[in-house]
Each structure stands twice: as C-alpha cells, then as structure tokens.
Amino acid sequence: MRGLFRSFVRNRKAAAGLTIVVIYVMIGLAAPLLSPYEPLARVGRPHQPPSWDHLLGTTRMGRDVLSQLIWGTRISLMVGVLAGVIVTVIGTVIGIVAAYVGGLVDEVLNFLTNVILVLPQLPLLLVLAAFLGQVDPLAIAVIIGLTSWAWGARVTRAQALSLKTRDYIQASQMVGEPAWRMILVEMLPNLLSIVGFNFIGSIIFTIITQATLEFLGLGSPLTLSWGTMLYNAQTASAIMVGAWWEVLAPCIAIVVIGVGLSLMNFGVDEISNPRLRTLGTVSKAVKLQRKLDRAREGQA
C-alpha cells in the first residue's frame, strides 16, 4: 500500500488532481469557518455584482453567493462520495463473485448487469426522481448508486476472470484455501486499480448528475448544493438580468472538481497500466536526448 501511494503521489497528474480534491474537501469541512455570511441570510441588495463585501455577488434574495458556494461544496461532495461508495461496493462484489463462482451464478449476475447497462441511465434517473418528487441529497445519492454499478461490475468481472487463471490462484485453490481468503487476499489486492478507477469515475458522474437533477427542479429546494444554486439562478432569470456570477460560480466549481478527479483517474490509469508507464519513460528519454543533442550543437 505504501508503494502504491508513493507511485500515486509521484505521478504528476495524480498529484495535481489529488491537490485539487483535497482543497475541495478542506473547504467543505471548514465551511462554517470559511463562510463570510450565513448562506441563507439576506445580507445585501438583490443581484448585487461582485465587490469587496461580496466577492461573488449576491442572489435575487440578497444572499451571498460565495457563502452558498462554500456550503454547497460540502453537500455536493458528500453526495458524490456516498454514491461512489455504493457504486464501487456493489460493482466490485458482483464482479468478483460472478467471476469466482461461475456457472449459474455468473450467468444470473451477468444477465442482471446487462439489463442495467442497456437501460438509458439519465432518463431512468429523471423518471425515478420525478416519481419520488423533490428528493433530498441522500436519496439522490442512493438512487444514483443503485442504478450506476453495472459498468464497474462488468470491468471487475473481466479482470477477475483473468486473475482466476493465474498460477498462484490455482495453486491456492489446490491447497484448499477458503473462498473468502481467495477473494480478499489473493484477488482483491490485484483489483485495487480498477476499484479506484471505478470509485473516482463514479464521483465525477454523481456530482454532474446531481447538479442536472437539481437544475431541473427534482431536488429539494431546502438543501444547498451547486445544483440548487443553478436552479435558483434559473428561476430568478439571472442571465437575463445580467447576474452572470450566480451561474458562473457553481459551474466553475463543478468544472474544477471534475478536472481534479479526472486527473486522479488518469494517474491511476498510468500507474496501473505498464504500457502507459513505458510510454512515459520513453517520452522522458526522448526529451533528455534532445536536450543533450542541443547542448552538443551549442558547444560545437
């Protein structure tokens, strides 16, 4: 684990993405300390542009946009992480069990996975959210988690089937190791890169999907997240009246956290993929050779 963490930190993309995500997490945790005003309190004039008193301006109700953005970070990240955990746990368990047990169990789980995969995900989420009415962030996280695990299960199953044919796995089976130890000790550590990739990707998808559902008015108006900020800006016709800061602030927040998580995903892919590591090494060697050639030309 220490070696894996060191490789992750040494990777430039992963380190940059991790830095962005850690900053967001710290903002969410320290929201009561960082927020200059109460997020739902009227502290200024309606649609007041950015100023020293309100760095990101105010909303139609005179609420501070920066304070809402800071508090919204906590809710949006919480929903993303919770849904990511649900997606990762369900996908990993189903994928490993299907590959290890095989037979009828594999066929049933594979059929269930295929059914979930062919369902149009966003329309399904819209129908479920509309059926349940205005749902709170916890319900949104559960809905997304229970409907978004199929891709991770498919990828995990494919990799687990490959591991099942390895010599050390077959040797462990021959000596009579219990199934739980085979899965947890022999197979799961070799699937950590796929599990991490699935978890990070699920967080990105959840944050964007939550913002979409809430922007369409399917979230609870009593909660404060980036999606509800966009919904309130839409209902207040912020763009029409020139209050661009109400829309720009949550949009930039979503884009930046998406970039950070994507960089972490790229880093995980490079660390776990020997071919990409080799390409990176070759690229560095080519750049070094070019520098040496230029230095020799300069001396000549």
C-alpha atoms as a PDB file:
ATOM      1  CA  MET A   1       0.000   0.000   0.000  1.00  0.00           C
ATOM      2  CA  ARG A   2       2.831   2.415   0.808  1.00  0.00           C
ATOM      3  CA  GLY A   3       4.488   1.725  -2.530  1.00  0.00           C
ATOM      4  CA  LEU A   4       1.195   2.275  -4.331  1.00  0.00           C
ATOM      5  CA  PHE A   5       0.647   5.581  -2.523  1.00  0.00           C
ATOM      6  CA  ARG A   6       4.179   6.742  -3.353  1.00  0.00           C
ATOM      7  CA  SER A   7       3.660   5.904  -7.016  1.00  0.00           C
ATOM      8  CA  PHE A   8       0.374   7.795  -6.933  1.00  0.00           C
ATOM      9  CA  VAL A   9       1.929  10.897  -5.364  1.00  0.00           C
ATOM     10  CA  ARG A  10       4.923  10.838  -7.715  1.00  0.00           C
ATOM     11  CA  ASN A  11       2.643  10.831 -10.743  1.00  0.00           C
ATOM     12  CA  ARG A  12       2.188  14.489 -11.769  1.00  0.00           C
ATOM     13  CA  LYS A  13      -1.390  14.130 -12.956  1.00  0.00           C
ATOM     14  CA  ALA A  14      -2.459  12.172  -9.899  1.00  0.00           C
ATOM     15  CA  ALA A  15      -0.707  14.583  -7.529  1.00  0.00           C
ATOM     16  CA  ALA A  16      -2.285  17.635  -9.192  1.00  0.00           C
ATOM     17  CA  GLY A  17      -5.735  16.044  -9.114  1.00  0.00           C
ATOM     18  CA  LEU A  18      -5.313  14.956  -5.506  1.00  0.00           C
ATOM     19  CA  THR A  19      -4.313  18.512  -4.529  1.00  0.00           C
ATOM     20  CA  ILE A  20      -7.480  19.936  -6.101  1.00  0.00           C
ATOM     21  CA  VAL A  21      -9.697  17.347  -4.427  1.00  0.00           C
ATOM     22  CA  VAL A  22      -8.059  17.845  -1.014  1.00  0.00           C
ATOM     23  CA  ILE A  23      -8.632  21.612  -1.283  1.00  0.00           C
ATOM     24  CA  TYR A  24     -12.315  20.999  -2.016  1.00  0.00           C
ATOM     25  CA  VAL A  25     -12.601  18.581   0.899  1.00  0.00           C
ATOM     26  CA  MET A  26     -10.974  21.070   3.267  1.00  0.00           C
ATOM     27  CA  ILE A  27     -13.354  23.806   2.058  1.00  0.00           C
ATOM     28  CA  GLY A  28     -16.326  21.530   2.677  1.00  0.00           C
ATOM     29  CA  LEU A  29     -15.162  20.517   6.142  1.00  0.00           C
ATOM     30  CA  ALA A  30     -14.295  24.091   7.163  1.00  0.00           C
ATOM     31  CA  ALA A  31     -17.436  25.660   5.675  1.00  0.00           C
ATOM     32  CA  PRO A  32     -18.601  27.220   8.995  1.00  0.00           C
ATOM     33  CA  LEU A  33     -15.201  28.897   9.380  1.00  0.00           C
ATOM     34  CA  LEU A  34     -14.671  29.981   5.774  1.00  0.00           C
ATOM     35  CA  SER A  35     -18.166  31.237   5.003  1.00  0.00           C
ATOM     36  CA  PRO A  36     -18.282  35.041   5.395  1.00  0.00           C
ATOM     37  CA  TYR A  37     -22.077  35.085   5.887  1.00  0.00           C
ATOM     38  CA  GLU A  38     -24.929  32.742   6.654  1.00  0.00           C
ATOM     39  CA  PRO A  39     -25.721  31.106   3.300  1.00  0.00           C
ATOM     40  CA  LEU A  40     -29.499  31.628   3.551  1.00  0.00           C
ATOM     41  CA  ALA A  41     -29.461  35.040   5.211  1.00  0.00           C
ATOM     42  CA  ARG A  42     -30.263  38.260   3.355  1.00  0.00           C
ATOM     43  CA  VAL A  43     -27.010  40.203   3.587  1.00  0.00           C
ATOM     44  CA  GLY A  44     -27.078  42.519   0.574  1.00  0.00           C
ATOM     45  CA  ARG A  45     -29.115  44.015  -2.238  1.00  0.00           C
ATOM     46  CA  PRO A  46     -30.690  41.710  -4.837  1.00  0.00           C
ATOM     47  CA  HIS A  47     -28.353  40.807  -7.720  1.00  0.00           C
ATOM     48  CA  GLN A  48     -25.505  42.833  -6.290  1.00  0.00           C
ATOM     49  CA  PRO A  49     -22.400  42.390  -8.507  1.00  0.00           C
ATOM     50  CA  PRO A  50     -19.078  41.131  -7.071  1.00  0.00           C
ATOM     51  CA  SER A  51     -17.442  43.579  -4.695  1.00  0.00           C
ATOM     52  CA  TRP A  52     -15.149  43.572  -1.667  1.00  0.00           C
ATOM     53  CA  ASP A  53     -18.152  42.972   0.590  1.00  0.00           C
ATOM     54  CA  HIS A  54     -19.466  40.127  -1.571  1.00  0.00           C
ATOM     55  CA  LEU A  55     -16.650  38.636  -3.631  1.00  0.00           C
ATOM     56  CA  LEU A  56     -19.015  36.604  -5.827  1.00  0.00           C
ATOM     57  CA  GLY A  57     -22.005  38.932  -5.639  1.00  0.00           C
ATOM     58  CA  THR A  58     -25.457  38.207  -4.278  1.00  0.00           C
ATOM     59  CA  THR A  59     -28.570  36.366  -5.470  1.00  0.00           C
ATOM     60  CA  ARG A  60     -32.048  37.704  -6.172  1.00  0.00           C
ATOM     61  CA  MET A  61     -32.824  37.233  -2.462  1.00  0.00           C
ATOM     62  CA  GLY A  62     -29.724  39.196  -1.449  1.00  0.00           C
ATOM     63  CA  ARG A  63     -27.837  36.098  -0.284  1.00  0.00           C
ATOM     64  CA  ASP A  64     -24.060  35.870  -0.550  1.00  0.00           C
ATOM     65  CA  VAL A  65     -23.047  33.619  -3.472  1.00  0.00           C
ATOM     66  CA  LEU A  66     -19.615  32.811  -2.018  1.00  0.00           C
ATOM     67  CA  SER A  67     -21.164  31.559   1.218  1.00  0.00           C
ATOM     68  CA  GLN A  68     -23.618  29.403  -0.706  1.00  0.00           C
ATOM     69  CA  LEU A  69     -20.800  28.049  -2.873  1.00  0.00           C
ATOM     70  CA  ILE A  70     -18.759  27.057   0.181  1.00  0.00           C
ATOM     71  CA  TRP A  71     -21.671  25.321   1.900  1.00  0.00           C
ATOM     72  CA  GLY A  72     -22.742  23.736  -1.377  1.00  0.00           C
ATOM     73  CA  THR A  73     -19.296  22.148  -1.672  1.00  0.00           C
ATOM     74  CA  ARG A  74     -19.991  20.071   1.431  1.00  0.00           C
ATOM     75  CA  ILE A  75     -23.324  18.707   0.146  1.00  0.00           C
ATOM     76  CA  SER A  76     -22.136  18.030  -3.413  1.00  0.00           C
ATOM     77  CA  LEU A  77     -19.000  16.193  -2.280  1.00  0.00           C
ATOM     78  CA  MET A  78     -20.972  14.204   0.292  1.00  0.00           C
ATOM     79  CA  VAL A  79     -23.428  13.023  -2.361  1.00  0.00           C
ATOM     80  CA  GLY A  80     -20.596  12.186  -4.761  1.00  0.00           C
ATOM     81  CA  VAL A  81     -18.621  10.162  -2.232  1.00  0.00           C
ATOM     82  CA  LEU A  82     -21.678   8.314  -0.893  1.00  0.00           C
ATOM     83  CA  ALA A  83     -22.883   7.334  -4.356  1.00  0.00           C
ATOM     84  CA  GLY A  84     -19.314   6.414  -5.321  1.00  0.00           C
ATOM     85  CA  VAL A  85     -19.059   4.063  -2.348  1.00  0.00           C
ATOM     86  CA  ILE A  86     -22.386   2.409  -3.212  1.00  0.00           C
ATOM     87  CA  VAL A  87     -21.449   2.005  -6.880  1.00  0.00           C
ATOM     88  CA  THR A  88     -17.975   0.668  -6.070  1.00  0.00           C
ATOM     89  CA  VAL A  89     -19.103  -1.802  -3.408  1.00  0.00           C
ATOM     90  CA  ILE A  90     -21.958  -3.248  -5.483  1.00  0.00           C
ATOM     91  CA  GLY A  91     -19.926  -3.390  -8.694  1.00  0.00           C
ATOM     92  CA  THR A  92     -16.881  -4.939  -7.031  1.00  0.00           C
ATOM     93  CA  VAL A  93     -18.848  -7.568  -5.110  1.00  0.00           C
ATOM     94  CA  ILE A  94     -20.963  -8.603  -8.102  1.00  0.00           C
ATOM     95  CA  GLY A  95     -17.965  -8.664 -10.449  1.00  0.00           C
ATOM     96  CA  ILE A  96     -15.749 -10.759  -8.167  1.00  0.00           C
ATOM     97  CA  VAL A  97     -18.499 -13.171  -7.117  1.00  0.00           C
ATOM     98  CA  ALA A  98     -19.606 -13.724 -10.712  1.00  0.00           C
ATOM     99  CA  ALA A  99     -16.055 -14.433 -11.860  1.00  0.00           C
ATOM    100  CA  TYR A 100     -15.004 -16.594  -8.904  1.00  0.00           C
ATOM    101  CA  VAL A 101     -18.145 -18.718  -8.511  1.00  0.00           C
ATOM    102  CA  GLY A 102     -19.003 -19.014 -12.197  1.00  0.00           C
ATOM    103  CA  GLY A 103     -21.721 -21.299 -13.519  1.00  0.00           C
ATOM    104  CA  LEU A 104     -25.345 -20.360 -12.941  1.00  0.00           C
ATOM    105  CA  VAL A 105     -24.405 -17.578 -10.512  1.00  0.00           C
ATOM    106  CA  ASP A 106     -22.220 -15.951 -13.168  1.00  0.00           C
ATOM    107  CA  GLU A 107     -24.986 -16.222 -15.770  1.00  0.00           C
ATOM    108  CA  VAL A 108     -27.612 -14.659 -13.491  1.00  0.00           C
ATOM    109  CA  LEU A 109     -25.370 -11.808 -12.341  1.00  0.00           C
ATOM    110  CA  ASN A 110     -24.139 -11.209 -15.885  1.00  0.00           C
ATOM    111  CA  PHE A 111     -27.739 -11.052 -17.138  1.00  0.00           C
ATOM    112  CA  LEU A 112     -28.640  -8.567 -14.399  1.00  0.00           C
ATOM    113  CA  THR A 113     -25.606  -6.460 -15.279  1.00  0.00           C
ATOM    114  CA  ASN A 114     -26.546  -6.440 -18.964  1.00  0.00           C
ATOM    115  CA  VAL A 115     -30.097  -5.356 -18.129  1.00  0.00           C
ATOM    116  CA  ILE A 116     -28.829  -2.397 -16.086  1.00  0.00           C
ATOM    117  CA  LEU A 117     -26.322  -1.490 -18.797  1.00  0.00           C
ATOM    118  CA  VAL A 118     -28.897  -1.252 -21.602  1.00  0.00           C
ATOM    119  CA  LEU A 119     -31.227   0.968 -19.592  1.00  0.00           C
ATOM    120  CA  PRO A 120     -30.800   4.665 -20.508  1.00  0.00           C
ATOM    121  CA  GLN A 121     -29.349   5.958 -17.256  1.00  0.00           C
ATOM    122  CA  LEU A 122     -30.179   9.653 -17.241  1.00  0.00           C
ATOM    123  CA  PRO A 123     -33.814   9.182 -18.363  1.00  0.00           C
ATOM    124  CA  LEU A 124     -34.154   6.454 -15.732  1.00  0.00           C
ATOM    125  CA  LEU A 125     -32.860   8.799 -13.041  1.00  0.00           C
ATOM    126  CA  LEU A 126     -35.204  11.534 -14.216  1.00  0.00           C
ATOM    127  CA  VAL A 127     -38.193   9.178 -14.057  1.00  0.00           C
ATOM    128  CA  LEU A 128     -37.266   7.902 -10.582  1.00  0.00           C
ATOM    129  CA  ALA A 129     -36.647  11.408  -9.238  1.00  0.00           C
ATOM    130  CA  ALA A 130     -39.905  12.684 -10.742  1.00  0.00           C
ATOM    131  CA  PHE A 131     -41.805   9.703  -9.302  1.00  0.00           C
ATOM    132  CA  LEU A 132     -40.393  10.310  -5.823  1.00  0.00           C
ATOM    133  CA  GLY A 133     -40.957  14.057  -6.035  1.00  0.00           C
ATOM    134  CA  GLN A 134     -38.439  16.558  -4.713  1.00  0.00           C
ATOM    135  CA  VAL A 135     -35.789  14.318  -3.136  1.00  0.00           C
ATOM    136  CA  ASP A 136     -33.056  15.242  -0.686  1.00  0.00           C
ATOM    137  CA  PRO A 137     -29.334  14.738  -1.454  1.00  0.00           C
ATOM    138  CA  LEU A 138     -29.197  11.440   0.435  1.00  0.00           C
ATOM    139  CA  ALA A 139     -31.970   9.991  -1.723  1.00  0.00           C
ATOM    140  CA  ILE A 140     -30.245  11.256  -4.869  1.00  0.00           C
ATOM    141  CA  ALA A 141     -27.008   9.532  -3.825  1.00  0.00           C
ATOM    142  CA  VAL A 142     -28.835   6.239  -3.178  1.00  0.00           C
ATOM    143  CA  ILE A 143     -30.739   6.424  -6.489  1.00  0.00           C
ATOM    144  CA  ILE A 144     -27.564   7.088  -8.466  1.00  0.00           C
ATOM    145  CA  GLY A 145     -25.645   4.417  -6.567  1.00  0.00           C
ATOM    146  CA  LEU A 146     -28.258   1.708  -7.137  1.00  0.00           C
ATOM    147  CA  THR A 147     -28.555   2.423 -10.870  1.00  0.00           C
ATOM    148  CA  SER A 148     -24.921   3.069 -11.855  1.00  0.00           C
ATOM    149  CA  TRP A 149     -22.930  -0.005 -10.748  1.00  0.00           C
ATOM    150  CA  ALA A 150     -23.219  -2.130 -13.902  1.00  0.00           C
ATOM    151  CA  TRP A 151     -20.195  -0.768 -15.793  1.00  0.00           C
ATOM    152  CA  GLY A 152     -17.911  -1.264 -12.794  1.00  0.00           C
ATOM    153  CA  ALA A 153     -19.236  -4.792 -12.296  1.00  0.00           C
ATOM    154  CA  ARG A 154     -18.547  -5.658 -15.942  1.00  0.00           C
ATOM    155  CA  VAL A 155     -14.953  -4.388 -15.840  1.00  0.00           C
ATOM    156  CA  THR A 156     -14.263  -6.008 -12.454  1.00  0.00           C
ATOM    157  CA  ARG A 157     -15.653  -9.354 -13.647  1.00  0.00           C
ATOM    158  CA  ALA A 158     -13.450  -9.306 -16.753  1.00  0.00           C
ATOM    159  CA  GLN A 159     -10.305  -8.610 -14.741  1.00  0.00           C
ATOM    160  CA  ALA A 160     -11.250 -11.143 -12.054  1.00  0.00           C
ATOM    161  CA  LEU A 161     -11.740 -13.835 -14.726  1.00  0.00           C
ATOM    162  CA  SER A 162      -8.211 -13.099 -15.932  1.00  0.00           C
ATOM    163  CA  LEU A 163      -6.838 -13.380 -12.394  1.00  0.00           C
ATOM    164  CA  LYS A 164      -8.684 -16.630 -11.813  1.00  0.00           C
ATOM    165  CA  THR A 165      -6.500 -18.366 -14.401  1.00  0.00           C
ATOM    166  CA  ARG A 166      -3.226 -17.268 -12.804  1.00  0.00           C
ATOM    167  CA  ASP A 167      -0.962 -19.954 -11.391  1.00  0.00           C
ATOM    168  CA  TYR A 168      -0.917 -18.628  -7.829  1.00  0.00           C
ATOM    169  CA  ILE A 169      -4.724 -18.555  -7.712  1.00  0.00           C
ATOM    170  CA  GLN A 170      -4.999 -22.131  -8.940  1.00  0.00           C
ATOM    171  CA  ALA A 171      -2.273 -23.218  -6.523  1.00  0.00           C
ATOM    172  CA  SER A 172      -4.177 -21.639  -3.636  1.00  0.00           C
ATOM    173  CA  GLN A 173      -7.309 -23.498  -4.709  1.00  0.00           C
ATOM    174  CA  MET A 174      -5.413 -26.796  -4.814  1.00  0.00           C
ATOM    175  CA  VAL A 175      -4.152 -26.387  -1.240  1.00  0.00           C
ATOM    176  CA  GLY A 176      -7.734 -25.790  -0.087  1.00  0.00           C
ATOM    177  CA  GLU A 177      -7.759 -22.111   0.858  1.00  0.00           C
ATOM    178  CA  PRO A 178     -11.270 -20.869   1.774  1.00  0.00           C
ATOM    179  CA  ALA A 179     -13.181 -18.812  -0.773  1.00  0.00           C
ATOM    180  CA  TRP A 180     -13.253 -15.660   1.391  1.00  0.00           C
ATOM    181  CA  ARG A 181      -9.465 -15.675   1.690  1.00  0.00           C
ATOM    182  CA  MET A 182      -9.046 -16.274  -2.023  1.00  0.00           C
ATOM    183  CA  ILE A 183     -11.206 -13.263  -2.794  1.00  0.00           C
ATOM    184  CA  LEU A 184      -9.947 -10.849  -0.120  1.00  0.00           C
ATOM    185  CA  VAL A 185      -6.251 -11.758  -0.041  1.00  0.00           C
ATOM    186  CA  GLU A 186      -5.421 -13.122  -3.482  1.00  0.00           C
ATOM    187  CA  MET A 187      -7.799 -11.357  -5.904  1.00  0.00           C
ATOM    188  CA  LEU A 188      -8.939  -8.059  -4.376  1.00  0.00           C
ATOM    189  CA  PRO A 189      -5.454  -6.502  -3.937  1.00  0.00           C
ATOM    190  CA  ASN A 190      -4.823  -7.058  -7.652  1.00  0.00           C
ATOM    191  CA  LEU A 191      -8.067  -5.244  -8.474  1.00  0.00           C
ATOM    192  CA  LEU A 192      -7.345  -2.078  -6.480  1.00  0.00           C
ATOM    193  CA  SER A 193      -6.538  -0.010  -9.566  1.00  0.00           C
ATOM    194  CA  ILE A 194      -9.873  -0.915 -11.182  1.00  0.00           C
ATOM    195  CA  VAL A 195     -11.723  -0.321  -7.907  1.00  0.00           C
ATOM    196  CA  GLY A 196     -10.083   3.098  -7.546  1.00  0.00           C
ATOM    197  CA  PHE A 197     -10.812   3.975 -11.166  1.00  0.00           C
ATOM    198  CA  ASN A 198     -14.458   2.978 -10.682  1.00  0.00           C
ATOM    199  CA  PHE A 199     -14.769   4.951  -7.430  1.00  0.00           C
ATOM    200  CA  ILE A 200     -13.298   8.173  -8.812  1.00  0.00           C
ATOM    201  CA  GLY A 201     -15.299   7.952 -12.023  1.00  0.00           C
ATOM    202  CA  SER A 202     -18.494   7.376 -10.039  1.00  0.00           C
ATOM    203  CA  ILE A 203     -17.891  10.544  -8.008  1.00  0.00           C
ATOM    204  CA  ILE A 204     -17.496  12.609 -11.195  1.00  0.00           C
ATOM    205  CA  PHE A 205     -20.665  11.142 -12.675  1.00  0.00           C
ATOM    206  CA  THR A 206     -22.629  11.644  -9.455  1.00  0.00           C
ATOM    207  CA  ILE A 207     -21.692  15.301  -8.990  1.00  0.00           C
ATOM    208  CA  ILE A 208     -22.686  16.138 -12.564  1.00  0.00           C
ATOM    209  CA  THR A 209     -25.877  14.058 -12.390  1.00  0.00           C
ATOM    210  CA  GLN A 210     -26.913  15.564  -9.062  1.00  0.00           C
ATOM    211  CA  ALA A 211     -26.438  19.071 -10.458  1.00  0.00           C
ATOM    212  CA  THR A 212     -28.503  18.088 -13.514  1.00  0.00           C
ATOM    213  CA  LEU A 213     -31.380  16.683 -11.458  1.00  0.00           C
ATOM    214  CA  GLU A 214     -31.461  19.669  -9.125  1.00  0.00           C
ATOM    215  CA  PHE A 215     -31.141  22.131 -12.007  1.00  0.00           C
ATOM    216  CA  LEU A 216     -34.293  20.550 -13.470  1.00  0.00           C
ATOM    217  CA  GLY A 217     -36.108  21.132 -10.169  1.00  0.00           C
ATOM    218  CA  LEU A 218     -36.123  17.499  -8.979  1.00  0.00           C
ATOM    219  CA  GLY A 219     -34.034  18.145  -5.868  1.00  0.00           C
ATOM    220  CA  SER A 220     -35.081  19.542  -2.528  1.00  0.00           C
ATOM    221  CA  PRO A 221     -35.114  23.380  -2.521  1.00  0.00           C
ATOM    222  CA  LEU A 222     -34.350  23.314   1.209  1.00  0.00           C
ATOM    223  CA  THR A 223     -30.845  21.914   0.674  1.00  0.00           C
ATOM    224  CA  LEU A 224     -27.909  23.967  -0.526  1.00  0.00           C
ATOM    225  CA  SER A 225     -25.716  22.480  -3.252  1.00  0.00           C
ATOM    226  CA  TRP A 226     -24.250  23.533  -6.582  1.00  0.00           C
ATOM    227  CA  GLY A 227     -27.296  22.121  -8.357  1.00  0.00           C
ATOM    228  CA  THR A 228     -29.793  24.084  -6.281  1.00  0.00           C
ATOM    229  CA  MET A 229     -27.713  27.222  -6.837  1.00  0.00           C
ATOM    230  CA  LEU A 230     -28.097  26.720 -10.587  1.00  0.00           C
ATOM    231  CA  TYR A 231     -31.808  26.032 -10.179  1.00  0.00           C
ATOM    232  CA  ASN A 232     -32.331  29.215  -8.146  1.00  0.00           C
ATOM    233  CA  ALA A 233     -30.342  31.208 -10.695  1.00  0.00           C
ATOM    234  CA  GLN A 234     -32.529  29.809 -13.470  1.00  0.00           C
ATOM    235  CA  THR A 235     -35.804  30.603 -11.701  1.00  0.00           C
ATOM    236  CA  ALA A 236     -34.531  34.108 -10.956  1.00  0.00           C
ATOM    237  CA  SER A 237     -33.590  34.616 -14.648  1.00  0.00           C
ATOM    238  CA  ALA A 238     -30.075  35.538 -13.533  1.00  0.00           C
ATOM    239  CA  ILE A 239     -28.617  35.550 -17.044  1.00  0.00           C
ATOM    240  CA  MET A 240     -31.479  37.665 -18.388  1.00  0.00           C
ATOM    241  CA  VAL A 241     -30.925  40.373 -15.783  1.00  0.00           C
ATOM    242  CA  GLY A 242     -27.133  40.269 -16.149  1.00  0.00           C
ATOM    243  CA  ALA A 243     -26.352  38.448 -12.881  1.00  0.00           C
ATOM    244  CA  TRP A 244     -23.869  36.111 -14.583  1.00  0.00           C
ATOM    245  CA  TRP A 245     -21.963  35.457 -11.349  1.00  0.00           C
ATOM    246  CA  GLU A 246     -24.829  33.378  -9.949  1.00  0.00           C
ATOM    247  CA  VAL A 247     -24.421  30.859 -12.767  1.00  0.00           C
ATOM    248  CA  LEU A 248     -20.675  31.113 -13.285  1.00  0.00           C
ATOM    249  CA  ALA A 249     -19.665  30.331  -9.673  1.00  0.00           C
ATOM    250  CA  PRO A 250     -21.257  26.851  -9.350  1.00  0.00           C
ATOM    251  CA  CYS A 251     -20.357  25.989 -12.955  1.00  0.00           C
ATOM    252  CA  ILE A 252     -16.668  26.712 -12.349  1.00  0.00           C
ATOM    253  CA  ALA A 253     -16.809  24.744  -9.089  1.00  0.00           C
ATOM    254  CA  ILE A 254     -18.193  21.693 -10.919  1.00  0.00           C
ATOM    255  CA  VAL A 255     -15.660  22.013 -13.753  1.00  0.00           C
ATOM    256  CA  VAL A 256     -12.650  22.325 -11.439  1.00  0.00           C
ATOM    257  CA  ILE A 257     -13.595  19.359  -9.237  1.00  0.00           C
ATOM    258  CA  GLY A 258     -14.251  17.381 -12.430  1.00  0.00           C
ATOM    259  CA  VAL A 259     -10.776  18.256 -13.694  1.00  0.00           C
ATOM    260  CA  GLY A 260      -9.216  17.241 -10.368  1.00  0.00           C
ATOM    261  CA  LEU A 261     -10.983  13.874 -10.263  1.00  0.00           C
ATOM    262  CA  SER A 262     -10.216  13.252 -13.943  1.00  0.00           C
ATOM    263  CA  LEU A 263      -6.511  13.908 -13.345  1.00  0.00           C
ATOM    264  CA  MET A 264      -6.604  11.410 -10.493  1.00  0.00           C
ATOM    265  CA  ASN A 265      -8.259   8.898 -12.824  1.00  0.00           C
ATOM    266  CA  PHE A 266      -5.580   9.451 -15.475  1.00  0.00           C
ATOM    267  CA  GLY A 267      -2.921   8.981 -12.811  1.00  0.00           C
ATOM    268  CA  VAL A 268      -4.440   5.719 -11.618  1.00  0.00           C
ATOM    269  CA  ASP A 269      -4.598   4.509 -15.224  1.00  0.00           C
ATOM    270  CA  GLU A 270      -0.942   5.349 -15.840  1.00  0.00           C
ATOM    271  CA  ILE A 271       0.193   3.699 -12.617  1.00  0.00           C
ATOM    272  CA  SER A 272      -1.777   0.507 -13.211  1.00  0.00           C
ATOM    273  CA  ASN A 273      -1.063   0.256 -16.960  1.00  0.00           C
ATOM    274  CA  PRO A 274       2.532  -0.855 -17.679  1.00  0.00           C
ATOM    275  CA  ARG A 275       2.206   0.208 -21.323  1.00  0.00           C
ATOM    276  CA  LEU A 276       1.435   3.811 -20.327  1.00  0.00           C
ATOM    277  CA  ARG A 277       4.301   3.793 -17.822  1.00  0.00           C
ATOM    278  CA  THR A 278       6.628   2.637 -20.578  1.00  0.00           C
ATOM    279  CA  LEU A 279       5.395   5.381 -22.900  1.00  0.00           C
ATOM    280  CA  GLY A 280       6.043   7.945 -20.182  1.00  0.00           C
ATOM    281  CA  THR A 281       9.584   6.632 -19.669  1.00  0.00           C
ATOM    282  CA  VAL A 282      10.284   6.658 -23.407  1.00  0.00           C
ATOM    283  CA  SER A 283       8.965  10.225 -23.681  1.00  0.00           C
ATOM    284  CA  LYS A 284      11.269  11.378 -20.894  1.00  0.00           C
ATOM    285  CA  ALA A 285      14.221   9.636 -22.533  1.00  0.00           C
ATOM    286  CA  VAL A 286      13.479  11.293 -25.886  1.00  0.00           C
ATOM    287  CA  LYS A 287      13.274  14.740 -24.268  1.00  0.00           C
ATOM    288  CA  LEU A 288      16.561  14.146 -22.429  1.00  0.00           C
ATOM    289  CA  GLN A 289      18.251  13.043 -25.642  1.00  0.00           C
ATOM    290  CA  ARG A 290      17.019  16.173 -27.437  1.00  0.00           C
ATOM    291  CA  LYS A 291      18.461  18.360 -24.680  1.00  0.00           C
ATOM    292  CA  LEU A 292      21.820  16.565 -24.945  1.00  0.00           C
ATOM    293  CA  ASP A 293      21.837  16.985 -28.721  1.00  0.00           C
ATOM    294  CA  ARG A 294      21.116  20.710 -28.403  1.00  0.00           C
ATOM    295  CA  ALA A 295      23.881  21.097 -25.808  1.00  0.00           C
ATOM    296  CA  ARG A 296      26.367  19.348 -28.125  1.00  0.00           C
ATOM    297  CA  GLU A 297      25.329  21.544 -31.031  1.00  0.00           C
ATOM    298  CA  GLY A 298      25.810  24.625 -28.865  1.00  0.00           C
ATOM    299  CA  GLN A 299      29.322  23.509 -27.859  1.00  0.00           C
ATOM    300  CA  ALA A 300      30.205  22.795 -31.474  1.00  0.00           C
END
